[in-house]
Amino acid sequence: MASEVQGYVVLTGFAEREGSQFVSHCRELGTSSCGDTVDEALESLGDAIGVHINALIETGELHRVLRERNIRIDLQPCHDELSVRVLPGKIFTTYQQLVPVAVPV
């Protein structure tokens, strides 16, 4: 079997205070998490994104979901600067997730 080609997807994460915690959300996947601090909320979101992506890979749904949500797979990691408008009180970050480019037959 030939080795699987992999690429990167770039996803965004936002965090904001809700009561005594910070809630984080990835709009592209609809994945959310939370934490006691901004850093904890964003780290938990990164973990949740990884679990979500792995579940999509295991179920064979990854490429359908990426296509439907217009999420591009790049063969190289993204080093470009992103310009994003963020509402006051929200924290923004990006996540690069390694994914298979093509599902092996």
PDB file of N, CA and C in Angstrom:
ATOM      1  N   MET A   1       0.843  -1.174   0.000  1.00  0.00           N
ATOM      2  CA  MET A   1       0.000   0.000   0.000  1.00  0.00           C
ATOM      3  C   MET A   1       0.887   1.236   0.000  1.00  0.00           C
ATOM      4  N   ALA A   2       0.582   2.219  -0.844  1.00  0.00           N
ATOM      5  CA  ALA A   2       1.354   3.449  -0.922  1.00  0.00           C
ATOM      6  C   ALA A   2       1.107   4.290   0.327  1.00  0.00           C
ATOM      7  N   SER A   3       2.124   5.087   0.693  1.00  0.00           N
ATOM      8  CA  SER A   3       1.936   5.934   1.870  1.00  0.00           C
ATOM      9  C   SER A   3       0.922   7.033   1.563  1.00  0.00           C
ATOM     10  N   GLU A   4       0.194   7.394   2.571  1.00  0.00           N
ATOM     11  CA  GLU A   4      -0.874   8.375   2.430  1.00  0.00           C
ATOM     12  C   GLU A   4      -0.302   9.790   2.397  1.00  0.00           C
ATOM     13  N   VAL A   5      -0.745  10.598   1.439  1.00  0.00           N
ATOM     14  CA  VAL A   5      -0.333  11.996   1.357  1.00  0.00           C
ATOM     15  C   VAL A   5      -1.126  12.787   2.387  1.00  0.00           C
ATOM     16  N   GLN A   6      -0.437  13.675   3.101  1.00  0.00           N
ATOM     17  CA  GLN A   6      -1.115  14.472   4.105  1.00  0.00           C
ATOM     18  C   GLN A   6      -0.959  15.956   3.804  1.00  0.00           C
ATOM     19  N   GLY A   7      -1.886  16.725   4.287  1.00  0.00           N
ATOM     20  CA  GLY A   7      -1.871  18.171   4.119  1.00  0.00           C
ATOM     21  C   GLY A   7      -2.386  18.831   5.378  1.00  0.00           C
ATOM     22  N   TYR A   8      -2.546  20.132   5.314  1.00  0.00           N
ATOM     23  CA  TYR A   8      -2.933  20.911   6.486  1.00  0.00           C
ATOM     24  C   TYR A   8      -4.220  21.680   6.231  1.00  0.00           C
ATOM     25  N   VAL A   9      -5.071  21.727   7.249  1.00  0.00           N
ATOM     26  CA  VAL A   9      -6.220  22.626   7.217  1.00  0.00           C
ATOM     27  C   VAL A   9      -5.966  23.696   8.278  1.00  0.00           C
ATOM     28  N   VAL A  10      -6.366  24.912   7.994  1.00  0.00           N
ATOM     29  CA  VAL A  10      -6.242  26.010   8.945  1.00  0.00           C
ATOM     30  C   VAL A  10      -7.637  26.328   9.452  1.00  0.00           C
ATOM     31  N   LEU A  11      -7.801  26.258  10.757  1.00  0.00           N
ATOM     32  CA  LEU A  11      -9.087  26.518  11.395  1.00  0.00           C
ATOM     33  C   LEU A  11      -8.917  27.656  12.389  1.00  0.00           C
ATOM     34  N   THR A  12      -9.991  28.379  12.648  1.00  0.00           N
ATOM     35  CA  THR A  12      -9.917  29.502  13.567  1.00  0.00           C
ATOM     36  C   THR A  12     -10.606  29.179  14.882  1.00  0.00           C
ATOM     37  N   GLY A  13     -10.132  29.811  15.924  1.00  0.00           N
ATOM     38  CA  GLY A  13     -10.732  29.650  17.243  1.00  0.00           C
ATOM     39  C   GLY A  13     -10.920  31.002  17.909  1.00  0.00           C
ATOM     40  N   PHE A  14     -12.058  31.185  18.533  1.00  0.00           N
ATOM     41  CA  PHE A  14     -12.358  32.396  19.278  1.00  0.00           C
ATOM     42  C   PHE A  14     -12.661  32.024  20.714  1.00  0.00           C
ATOM     43  N   ALA A  15     -12.260  32.857  21.637  1.00  0.00           N
ATOM     44  CA  ALA A  15     -12.595  32.633  23.045  1.00  0.00           C
ATOM     45  C   ALA A  15     -13.110  33.946  23.618  1.00  0.00           C
ATOM     46  N   GLU A  16     -14.069  33.834  24.521  1.00  0.00           N
ATOM     47  CA  GLU A  16     -14.581  35.002  25.218  1.00  0.00           C
ATOM     48  C   GLU A  16     -15.079  34.582  26.589  1.00  0.00           C
ATOM     49  N   ARG A  17     -15.111  35.537  27.494  1.00  0.00           N
ATOM     50  CA  ARG A  17     -15.561  35.264  28.856  1.00  0.00           C
ATOM     51  C   ARG A  17     -17.080  35.095  28.863  1.00  0.00           C
ATOM     52  N   GLU A  18     -17.518  34.056  29.558  1.00  0.00           N
ATOM     53  CA  GLU A  18     -18.940  33.836  29.823  1.00  0.00           C
ATOM     54  C   GLU A  18     -19.047  33.497  31.297  1.00  0.00           C
ATOM     55  N   GLY A  19     -19.494  34.444  32.081  1.00  0.00           N
ATOM     56  CA  GLY A  19     -19.558  34.232  33.524  1.00  0.00           C
ATOM     57  C   GLY A  19     -18.165  34.080  34.093  1.00  0.00           C
ATOM     58  N   SER A  20     -17.933  32.993  34.831  1.00  0.00           N
ATOM     59  CA  SER A  20     -16.629  32.783  35.462  1.00  0.00           C
ATOM     60  C   SER A  20     -15.670  31.968  34.593  1.00  0.00           C
ATOM     61  N   GLN A  21     -16.114  31.550  33.390  1.00  0.00           N
ATOM     62  CA  GLN A  21     -15.251  30.759  32.508  1.00  0.00           C
ATOM     63  C   GLN A  21     -15.060  31.450  31.166  1.00  0.00           C
ATOM     64  N   PHE A  22     -14.166  30.874  30.371  1.00  0.00           N
ATOM     65  CA  PHE A  22     -13.971  31.315  28.997  1.00  0.00           C
ATOM     66  C   PHE A  22     -14.476  30.208  28.084  1.00  0.00           C
ATOM     67  N   VAL A  23     -15.257  30.590  27.090  1.00  0.00           N
ATOM     68  CA  VAL A  23     -15.804  29.645  26.124  1.00  0.00           C
ATOM     69  C   VAL A  23     -15.057  29.849  24.817  1.00  0.00           C
ATOM     70  N   SER A  24     -14.671  28.745  24.171  1.00  0.00           N
ATOM     71  CA  SER A  24     -13.950  28.815  22.901  1.00  0.00           C
ATOM     72  C   SER A  24     -14.753  28.074  21.841  1.00  0.00           C
ATOM     73  N   HIS A  25     -14.624  28.553  20.586  1.00  0.00           N
ATOM     74  CA  HIS A  25     -15.445  27.994  19.506  1.00  0.00           C
ATOM     75  C   HIS A  25     -14.688  28.036  18.182  1.00  0.00           C
ATOM     76  N   CYS A  26     -14.776  26.959  17.422  1.00  0.00           N
ATOM     77  CA  CYS A  26     -14.250  26.884  16.056  1.00  0.00           C
ATOM     78  C   CYS A  26     -15.449  26.944  15.121  1.00  0.00           C
ATOM     79  N   ARG A  27     -15.613  28.072  14.423  1.00  0.00           N
ATOM     80  CA  ARG A  27     -16.768  28.250  13.537  1.00  0.00           C
ATOM     81  C   ARG A  27     -16.790  27.241  12.385  1.00  0.00           C
ATOM     82  N   GLU A  28     -15.616  26.952  11.823  1.00  0.00           N
ATOM     83  CA  GLU A  28     -15.579  26.085  10.645  1.00  0.00           C
ATOM     84  C   GLU A  28     -16.143  24.700  10.942  1.00  0.00           C
ATOM     85  N   LEU A  29     -15.845  24.155  12.113  1.00  0.00           N
ATOM     86  CA  LEU A  29     -16.309  22.801  12.451  1.00  0.00           C
ATOM     87  C   LEU A  29     -17.505  22.791  13.396  1.00  0.00           C
ATOM     88  N   GLY A  30     -17.790  23.925  14.025  1.00  0.00           N
ATOM     89  CA  GLY A  30     -18.861  23.953  15.014  1.00  0.00           C
ATOM     90  C   GLY A  30     -18.458  23.318  16.329  1.00  0.00           C
ATOM     91  N   THR A  31     -17.148  23.210  16.579  1.00  0.00           N
ATOM     92  CA  THR A  31     -16.616  22.592  17.785  1.00  0.00           C
ATOM     93  C   THR A  31     -16.438  23.656  18.863  1.00  0.00           C
ATOM     94  N   SER A  32     -16.776  23.318  20.092  1.00  0.00           N
ATOM     95  CA  SER A  32     -16.643  24.267  21.202  1.00  0.00           C
ATOM     96  C   SER A  32     -15.970  23.603  22.390  1.00  0.00           C
ATOM     97  N   SER A  33     -15.456  24.447  23.287  1.00  0.00           N
ATOM     98  CA  SER A  33     -14.872  23.968  24.528  1.00  0.00           C
ATOM     99  C   SER A  33     -14.891  25.119  25.519  1.00  0.00           C
ATOM    100  N   CYS A  34     -14.254  24.923  26.675  1.00  0.00           N
ATOM    101  CA  CYS A  34     -14.204  25.995  27.672  1.00  0.00           C
ATOM    102  C   CYS A  34     -13.019  25.760  28.602  1.00  0.00           C
ATOM    103  N   GLY A  35     -12.768  26.747  29.439  1.00  0.00           N
ATOM    104  CA  GLY A  35     -11.697  26.635  30.427  1.00  0.00           C
ATOM    105  C   GLY A  35     -11.782  27.770  31.418  1.00  0.00           C
ATOM    106  N   ASP A  36     -10.999  27.647  32.480  1.00  0.00           N
ATOM    107  CA  ASP A  36     -10.978  28.684  33.513  1.00  0.00           C
ATOM    108  C   ASP A  36     -10.218  29.926  33.074  1.00  0.00           C
ATOM    109  N   THR A  37      -9.309  29.769  32.097  1.00  0.00           N
ATOM    110  CA  THR A  37      -8.539  30.896  31.556  1.00  0.00           C
ATOM    111  C   THR A  37      -8.668  30.880  30.034  1.00  0.00           C
ATOM    112  N   VAL A  38      -8.288  31.982  29.391  1.00  0.00           N
ATOM    113  CA  VAL A  38      -8.310  32.040  27.927  1.00  0.00           C
ATOM    114  C   VAL A  38      -7.403  30.953  27.354  1.00  0.00           C
ATOM    115  N   ASP A  39      -6.193  30.837  27.883  1.00  0.00           N
ATOM    116  CA  ASP A  39      -5.247  29.840  27.376  1.00  0.00           C
ATOM    117  C   ASP A  39      -5.800  28.422  27.522  1.00  0.00           C
ATOM    118  N   GLU A  40      -6.412  28.143  28.661  1.00  0.00           N
ATOM    119  CA  GLU A  40      -6.991  26.814  28.880  1.00  0.00           C
ATOM    120  C   GLU A  40      -8.144  26.553  27.910  1.00  0.00           C
ATOM    121  N   ALA A  41      -8.974  27.558  27.681  1.00  0.00           N
ATOM    122  CA  ALA A  41     -10.108  27.400  26.749  1.00  0.00           C
ATOM    123  C   ALA A  41      -9.616  27.144  25.332  1.00  0.00           C
ATOM    124  N   LEU A  42      -8.588  27.885  24.891  1.00  0.00           N
ATOM    125  CA  LEU A  42      -8.069  27.701  23.533  1.00  0.00           C
ATOM    126  C   LEU A  42      -7.313  26.381  23.397  1.00  0.00           C
ATOM    127  N   GLU A  43      -6.594  25.968  24.430  1.00  0.00           N
ATOM    128  CA  GLU A  43      -5.910  24.676  24.396  1.00  0.00           C
ATOM    129  C   GLU A  43      -6.937  23.536  24.345  1.00  0.00           C
ATOM    130  N   SER A  44      -7.992  23.648  25.137  1.00  0.00           N
ATOM    131  CA  SER A  44      -9.052  22.634  25.124  1.00  0.00           C
ATOM    132  C   SER A  44      -9.740  22.587  23.769  1.00  0.00           C
ATOM    133  N   LEU A  45      -9.908  23.757  23.144  1.00  0.00           N
ATOM    134  CA  LEU A  45     -10.508  23.791  21.810  1.00  0.00           C
ATOM    135  C   LEU A  45      -9.612  23.086  20.808  1.00  0.00           C
ATOM    136  N   GLY A  46      -8.297  23.307  20.898  1.00  0.00           N
ATOM    137  CA  GLY A  46      -7.369  22.607  20.005  1.00  0.00           C
ATOM    138  C   GLY A  46      -7.489  21.101  20.152  1.00  0.00           C
ATOM    139  N   ASP A  47      -7.617  20.628  21.397  1.00  0.00           N
ATOM    140  CA  ASP A  47      -7.808  19.192  21.636  1.00  0.00           C
ATOM    141  C   ASP A  47      -9.132  18.717  21.036  1.00  0.00           C
ATOM    142  N   ALA A  48     -10.189  19.502  21.226  1.00  0.00           N
ATOM    143  CA  ALA A  48     -11.513  19.134  20.701  1.00  0.00           C
ATOM    144  C   ALA A  48     -11.507  19.093  19.169  1.00  0.00           C
ATOM    145  N   ILE A  49     -10.796  20.030  18.546  1.00  0.00           N
ATOM    146  CA  ILE A  49     -10.681  20.036  17.085  1.00  0.00           C
ATOM    147  C   ILE A  49      -9.988  18.761  16.624  1.00  0.00           C
ATOM    148  N   GLY A  50      -8.911  18.366  17.312  1.00  0.00           N
ATOM    149  CA  GLY A  50      -8.207  17.130  16.959  1.00  0.00           C
ATOM    150  C   GLY A  50      -9.099  15.912  17.065  1.00  0.00           C
ATOM    151  N   VAL A  51      -9.885  15.828  18.134  1.00  0.00           N
ATOM    152  CA  VAL A  51     -10.819  14.710  18.311  1.00  0.00           C
ATOM    153  C   VAL A  51     -11.869  14.722  17.202  1.00  0.00           C
ATOM    154  N   HIS A  52     -12.388  15.902  16.887  1.00  0.00           N
ATOM    155  CA  HIS A  52     -13.405  16.028  15.839  1.00  0.00           C
ATOM    156  C   HIS A  52     -12.850  15.578  14.483  1.00  0.00           C
ATOM    157  N   ILE A  53     -11.659  16.077  14.130  1.00  0.00           N
ATOM    158  CA  ILE A  53     -11.024  15.695  12.857  1.00  0.00           C
ATOM    159  C   ILE A  53     -10.774  14.197  12.815  1.00  0.00           C
ATOM    160  N   ASN A  54     -10.245  13.622  13.887  1.00  0.00           N
ATOM    161  CA  ASN A  54      -9.981  12.176  13.919  1.00  0.00           C
ATOM    162  C   ASN A  54     -11.260  11.364  13.759  1.00  0.00           C
ATOM    163  N   ALA A  55     -12.355  11.809  14.372  1.00  0.00           N
ATOM    164  CA  ALA A  55     -13.636  11.109  14.220  1.00  0.00           C
ATOM    165  C   ALA A  55     -14.115  11.177  12.772  1.00  0.00           C
ATOM    166  N   LEU A  56     -13.928  12.335  12.126  1.00  0.00           N
ATOM    167  CA  LEU A  56     -14.322  12.455  10.715  1.00  0.00           C
ATOM    168  C   LEU A  56     -13.474  11.549   9.825  1.00  0.00           C
ATOM    169  N   ILE A  57     -12.191  11.428  10.136  1.00  0.00           N
ATOM    170  CA  ILE A  57     -11.312  10.538   9.369  1.00  0.00           C
ATOM    171  C   ILE A  57     -11.761   9.088   9.545  1.00  0.00           C
ATOM    172  N   GLU A  58     -11.990   8.697  10.802  1.00  0.00           N
ATOM    173  CA  GLU A  58     -12.377   7.309  11.097  1.00  0.00           C
ATOM    174  C   GLU A  58     -13.710   6.918  10.464  1.00  0.00           C
ATOM    175  N   THR A  59     -14.623   7.858  10.352  1.00  0.00           N
ATOM    176  CA  THR A  59     -15.935   7.554   9.765  1.00  0.00           C
ATOM    177  C   THR A  59     -15.974   7.763   8.258  1.00  0.00           C
ATOM    178  N   GLY A  60     -14.849   8.239   7.692  1.00  0.00           N
ATOM    179  CA  GLY A  60     -14.801   8.465   6.251  1.00  0.00           C
ATOM    180  C   GLY A  60     -15.542   9.717   5.805  1.00  0.00           C
ATOM    181  N   GLU A  61     -15.847  10.607   6.722  1.00  0.00           N
ATOM    182  CA  GLU A  61     -16.621  11.808   6.415  1.00  0.00           C
ATOM    183  C   GLU A  61     -15.776  13.071   6.260  1.00  0.00           C
ATOM    184  N   LEU A  62     -14.473  12.978   6.486  1.00  0.00           N
ATOM    185  CA  LEU A  62     -13.628  14.161   6.498  1.00  0.00           C
ATOM    186  C   LEU A  62     -13.748  14.988   5.224  1.00  0.00           C
ATOM    187  N   HIS A  63     -13.537  14.371   4.076  1.00  0.00           N
ATOM    188  CA  HIS A  63     -13.498  15.138   2.826  1.00  0.00           C
ATOM    189  C   HIS A  63     -14.859  15.721   2.463  1.00  0.00           C
ATOM    190  N   ARG A  64     -15.928  15.027   2.804  1.00  0.00           N
ATOM    191  CA  ARG A  64     -17.272  15.564   2.550  1.00  0.00           C
ATOM    192  C   ARG A  64     -17.487  16.818   3.399  1.00  0.00           C
ATOM    193  N   VAL A  65     -17.145  16.729   4.687  1.00  0.00           N
ATOM    194  CA  VAL A  65     -17.340  17.860   5.594  1.00  0.00           C
ATOM    195  C   VAL A  65     -16.457  19.038   5.176  1.00  0.00           C
ATOM    196  N   LEU A  66     -15.205  18.789   4.854  1.00  0.00           N
ATOM    197  CA  LEU A  66     -14.323  19.871   4.419  1.00  0.00           C
ATOM    198  C   LEU A  66     -14.856  20.532   3.157  1.00  0.00           C
ATOM    199  N   ARG A  67     -15.316  19.739   2.220  1.00  0.00           N
ATOM    200  CA  ARG A  67     -15.867  20.269   0.969  1.00  0.00           C
ATOM    201  C   ARG A  67     -17.114  21.119   1.243  1.00  0.00           C
ATOM    202  N   GLU A  68     -18.034  20.602   2.047  1.00  0.00           N
ATOM    203  CA  GLU A  68     -19.275  21.323   2.354  1.00  0.00           C
ATOM    204  C   GLU A  68     -19.018  22.635   3.076  1.00  0.00           C
ATOM    205  N   ARG A  69     -17.966  22.683   3.871  1.00  0.00           N
ATOM    206  CA  ARG A  69     -17.680  23.882   4.659  1.00  0.00           C
ATOM    207  C   ARG A  69     -16.584  24.751   4.041  1.00  0.00           C
ATOM    208  N   ASN A  70     -16.225  24.419   2.794  1.00  0.00           N
ATOM    209  CA  ASN A  70     -15.216  25.187   2.056  1.00  0.00           C
ATOM    210  C   ASN A  70     -13.902  25.334   2.823  1.00  0.00           C
ATOM    211  N   ILE A  71     -13.472  24.239   3.435  1.00  0.00           N
ATOM    212  CA  ILE A  71     -12.189  24.218   4.140  1.00  0.00           C
ATOM    213  C   ILE A  71     -11.162  23.578   3.221  1.00  0.00           C
ATOM    214  N   ARG A  72     -10.142  24.325   2.895  1.00  0.00           N
ATOM    215  CA  ARG A  72      -9.121  23.898   1.935  1.00  0.00           C
ATOM    216  C   ARG A  72      -8.028  23.106   2.633  1.00  0.00           C
ATOM    217  N   ILE A  73      -7.497  22.097   1.936  1.00  0.00           N
ATOM    218  CA  ILE A  73      -6.325  21.352   2.405  1.00  0.00           C
ATOM    219  C   ILE A  73      -5.117  21.853   1.626  1.00  0.00           C
ATOM    220  N   ASP A  74      -4.096  22.314   2.351  1.00  0.00           N
ATOM    221  CA  ASP A  74      -2.846  22.757   1.740  1.00  0.00           C
ATOM    222  C   ASP A  74      -1.774  21.714   1.984  1.00  0.00           C
ATOM    223  N   LEU A  75      -0.887  21.514   1.017  1.00  0.00           N
ATOM    224  CA  LEU A  75       0.168  20.520   1.163  1.00  0.00           C
ATOM    225  C   LEU A  75       1.295  20.992   2.082  1.00  0.00           C
ATOM    226  N   GLN A  76       1.415  22.304   2.276  1.00  0.00           N
ATOM    227  CA  GLN A  76       2.440  22.864   3.146  1.00  0.00           C
ATOM    228  C   GLN A  76       1.763  23.607   4.300  1.00  0.00           C
ATOM    229  N   PRO A  77       2.427  23.681   5.457  1.00  0.00           N
ATOM    230  CA  PRO A  77       1.856  24.462   6.554  1.00  0.00           C
ATOM    231  C   PRO A  77       1.723  25.924   6.151  1.00  0.00           C
ATOM    232  N   CYS A  78       0.738  26.593   6.673  1.00  0.00           N
ATOM    233  CA  CYS A  78       0.483  27.996   6.361  1.00  0.00           C
ATOM    234  C   CYS A  78       1.391  28.885   7.201  1.00  0.00           C
ATOM    235  N   HIS A  79       2.130  29.745   6.535  1.00  0.00           N
ATOM    236  CA  HIS A  79       2.980  30.701   7.234  1.00  0.00           C
ATOM    237  C   HIS A  79       2.527  32.123   6.939  1.00  0.00           C
ATOM    238  N   ASP A  80       1.415  32.245   6.210  1.00  0.00           N
ATOM    239  CA  ASP A  80       0.891  33.558   5.871  1.00  0.00           C
ATOM    240  C   ASP A  80       0.277  34.211   7.095  1.00  0.00           C
ATOM    241  N   GLU A  81       0.310  35.522   7.089  1.00  0.00           N
ATOM    242  CA  GLU A  81      -0.324  36.270   8.155  1.00  0.00           C
ATOM    243  C   GLU A  81      -1.812  36.374   7.845  1.00  0.00           C
ATOM    244  N   LEU A  82      -2.641  36.193   8.850  1.00  0.00           N
ATOM    245  CA  LEU A  82      -4.077  36.312   8.682  1.00  0.00           C
ATOM    246  C   LEU A  82      -4.527  37.669   9.191  1.00  0.00           C
ATOM    247  N   SER A  83      -5.495  38.239   8.511  1.00  0.00           N
ATOM    248  CA  SER A  83      -6.090  39.487   8.967  1.00  0.00           C
ATOM    249  C   SER A  83      -7.533  39.186   9.339  1.00  0.00           C
ATOM    250  N   VAL A  84      -7.854  39.374  10.605  1.00  0.00           N
ATOM    251  CA  VAL A  84      -9.179  39.024  11.099  1.00  0.00           C
ATOM    252  C   VAL A  84      -9.700  40.162  11.965  1.00  0.00           C
ATOM    253  N   ARG A  85     -10.942  40.521  11.748  1.00  0.00           N
ATOM    254  CA  ARG A  85     -11.581  41.520  12.599  1.00  0.00           C
ATOM    255  C   ARG A  85     -12.261  40.790  13.752  1.00  0.00           C
ATOM    256  N   VAL A  86     -11.930  41.160  14.969  1.00  0.00           N
ATOM    257  CA  VAL A  86     -12.440  40.485  16.153  1.00  0.00           C
ATOM    258  C   VAL A  86     -13.194  41.503  17.016  1.00  0.00           C
ATOM    259  N   LEU A  87     -14.352  41.102  17.487  1.00  0.00           N
ATOM    260  CA  LEU A  87     -15.136  41.968  18.354  1.00  0.00           C
ATOM    261  C   LEU A  87     -14.414  42.183  19.681  1.00  0.00           C
ATOM    262  N   PRO A  88     -14.605  43.335  20.313  1.00  0.00           N
ATOM    263  CA  PRO A  88     -13.983  43.582  21.621  1.00  0.00           C
ATOM    264  C   PRO A  88     -14.345  42.473  22.615  1.00  0.00           C
ATOM    265  N   GLY A  89     -13.363  42.045  23.383  1.00  0.00           N
ATOM    266  CA  GLY A  89     -13.592  41.014  24.387  1.00  0.00           C
ATOM    267  C   GLY A  89     -13.388  39.594  23.893  1.00  0.00           C
ATOM    268  N   LYS A  90     -13.150  39.419  22.585  1.00  0.00           N
ATOM    269  CA  LYS A  90     -12.898  38.087  22.038  1.00  0.00           C
ATOM    270  C   LYS A  90     -11.416  37.920  21.753  1.00  0.00           C
ATOM    271  N   ILE A  91     -10.926  36.723  21.945  1.00  0.00           N
ATOM    272  CA  ILE A  91      -9.539  36.372  21.657  1.00  0.00           C
ATOM    273  C   ILE A  91      -9.559  35.450  20.447  1.00  0.00           C
ATOM    274  N   PHE A  92      -8.608  35.617  19.526  1.00  0.00           N
ATOM    275  CA  PHE A  92      -8.569  34.867  18.284  1.00  0.00           C
ATOM    276  C   PHE A  92      -7.268  34.089  18.175  1.00  0.00           C
ATOM    277  N   THR A  93      -7.336  32.872  17.625  1.00  0.00           N
ATOM    278  CA  THR A  93      -6.140  32.098  17.305  1.00  0.00           C
ATOM    279  C   THR A  93      -6.440  31.209  16.104  1.00  0.00           C
ATOM    280  N   THR A  94      -5.395  30.607  15.559  1.00  0.00           N
ATOM    281  CA  THR A  94      -5.583  29.644  14.473  1.00  0.00           C
ATOM    282  C   THR A  94      -4.987  28.308  14.873  1.00  0.00           C
ATOM    283  N   TYR A  95      -5.495  27.252  14.259  1.00  0.00           N
ATOM    284  CA  TYR A  95      -5.011  25.892  14.476  1.00  0.00           C
ATOM    285  C   TYR A  95      -4.702  25.302  13.116  1.00  0.00           C
ATOM    286  N   GLN A  96      -3.539  24.654  12.973  1.00  0.00           N
ATOM    287  CA  GLN A  96      -3.224  23.919  11.755  1.00  0.00           C
ATOM    288  C   GLN A  96      -3.289  22.442  12.109  1.00  0.00           C
ATOM    289  N   GLN A  97      -4.151  21.745  11.422  1.00  0.00           N
ATOM    290  CA  GLN A  97      -4.383  20.326  11.700  1.00  0.00           C
ATOM    291  C   GLN A  97      -3.913  19.500  10.509  1.00  0.00           C
ATOM    292  N   LEU A  98      -3.091  18.492  10.750  1.00  0.00           N
ATOM    293  CA  LEU A  98      -2.622  17.593   9.696  1.00  0.00           C
ATOM    294  C   LEU A  98      -3.722  16.599   9.378  1.00  0.00           C
ATOM    295  N   VAL A  99      -4.068  16.480   8.083  1.00  0.00           N
ATOM    296  CA  VAL A  99      -5.145  15.576   7.649  1.00  0.00           C
ATOM    297  C   VAL A  99      -4.703  14.827   6.389  1.00  0.00           C
ATOM    298  N   PRO A 100      -5.316  13.667   6.111  1.00  0.00           N
ATOM    299  CA  PRO A 100      -5.014  12.984   4.845  1.00  0.00           C
ATOM    300  C   PRO A 100      -5.590  13.769   3.674  1.00  0.00           C
ATOM    301  N   VAL A 101      -4.838  13.833   2.592  1.00  0.00           N
ATOM    302  CA  VAL A 101      -5.307  14.539   1.391  1.00  0.00           C
ATOM    303  C   VAL A 101      -6.312  13.670   0.655  1.00  0.00           C
ATOM    304  N   ALA A 102      -6.025  12.389   0.539  1.00  0.00           N
ATOM    305  CA  ALA A 102      -6.919  11.470  -0.156  1.00  0.00           C
ATOM    306  C   ALA A 102      -7.090  10.215   0.676  1.00  0.00           C
ATOM    307  N   VAL A 103      -8.291   9.719   0.707  1.00  0.00           N
ATOM    308  CA  VAL A 103      -8.556   8.494   1.440  1.00  0.00           C
ATOM    309  C   VAL A 103      -8.045   7.328   0.620  1.00  0.00           C
ATOM    310  N   PRO A 104      -7.203   6.428   1.198  1.00  0.00           N
ATOM    311  CA  PRO A 104      -6.693   5.283   0.430  1.00  0.00           C
ATOM    312  C   PRO A 104      -7.826   4.349   0.015  1.00  0.00           C
ATOM    313  N   VAL A 105      -7.680   3.774  -1.165  1.00  0.00           N
ATOM    314  CA  VAL A 105      -8.713   2.864  -1.692  1.00  0.00           C
ATOM    315  C   VAL A 105      -8.436   1.457  -1.256  1.00  0.00           C
TER     316      VAL A 105
END
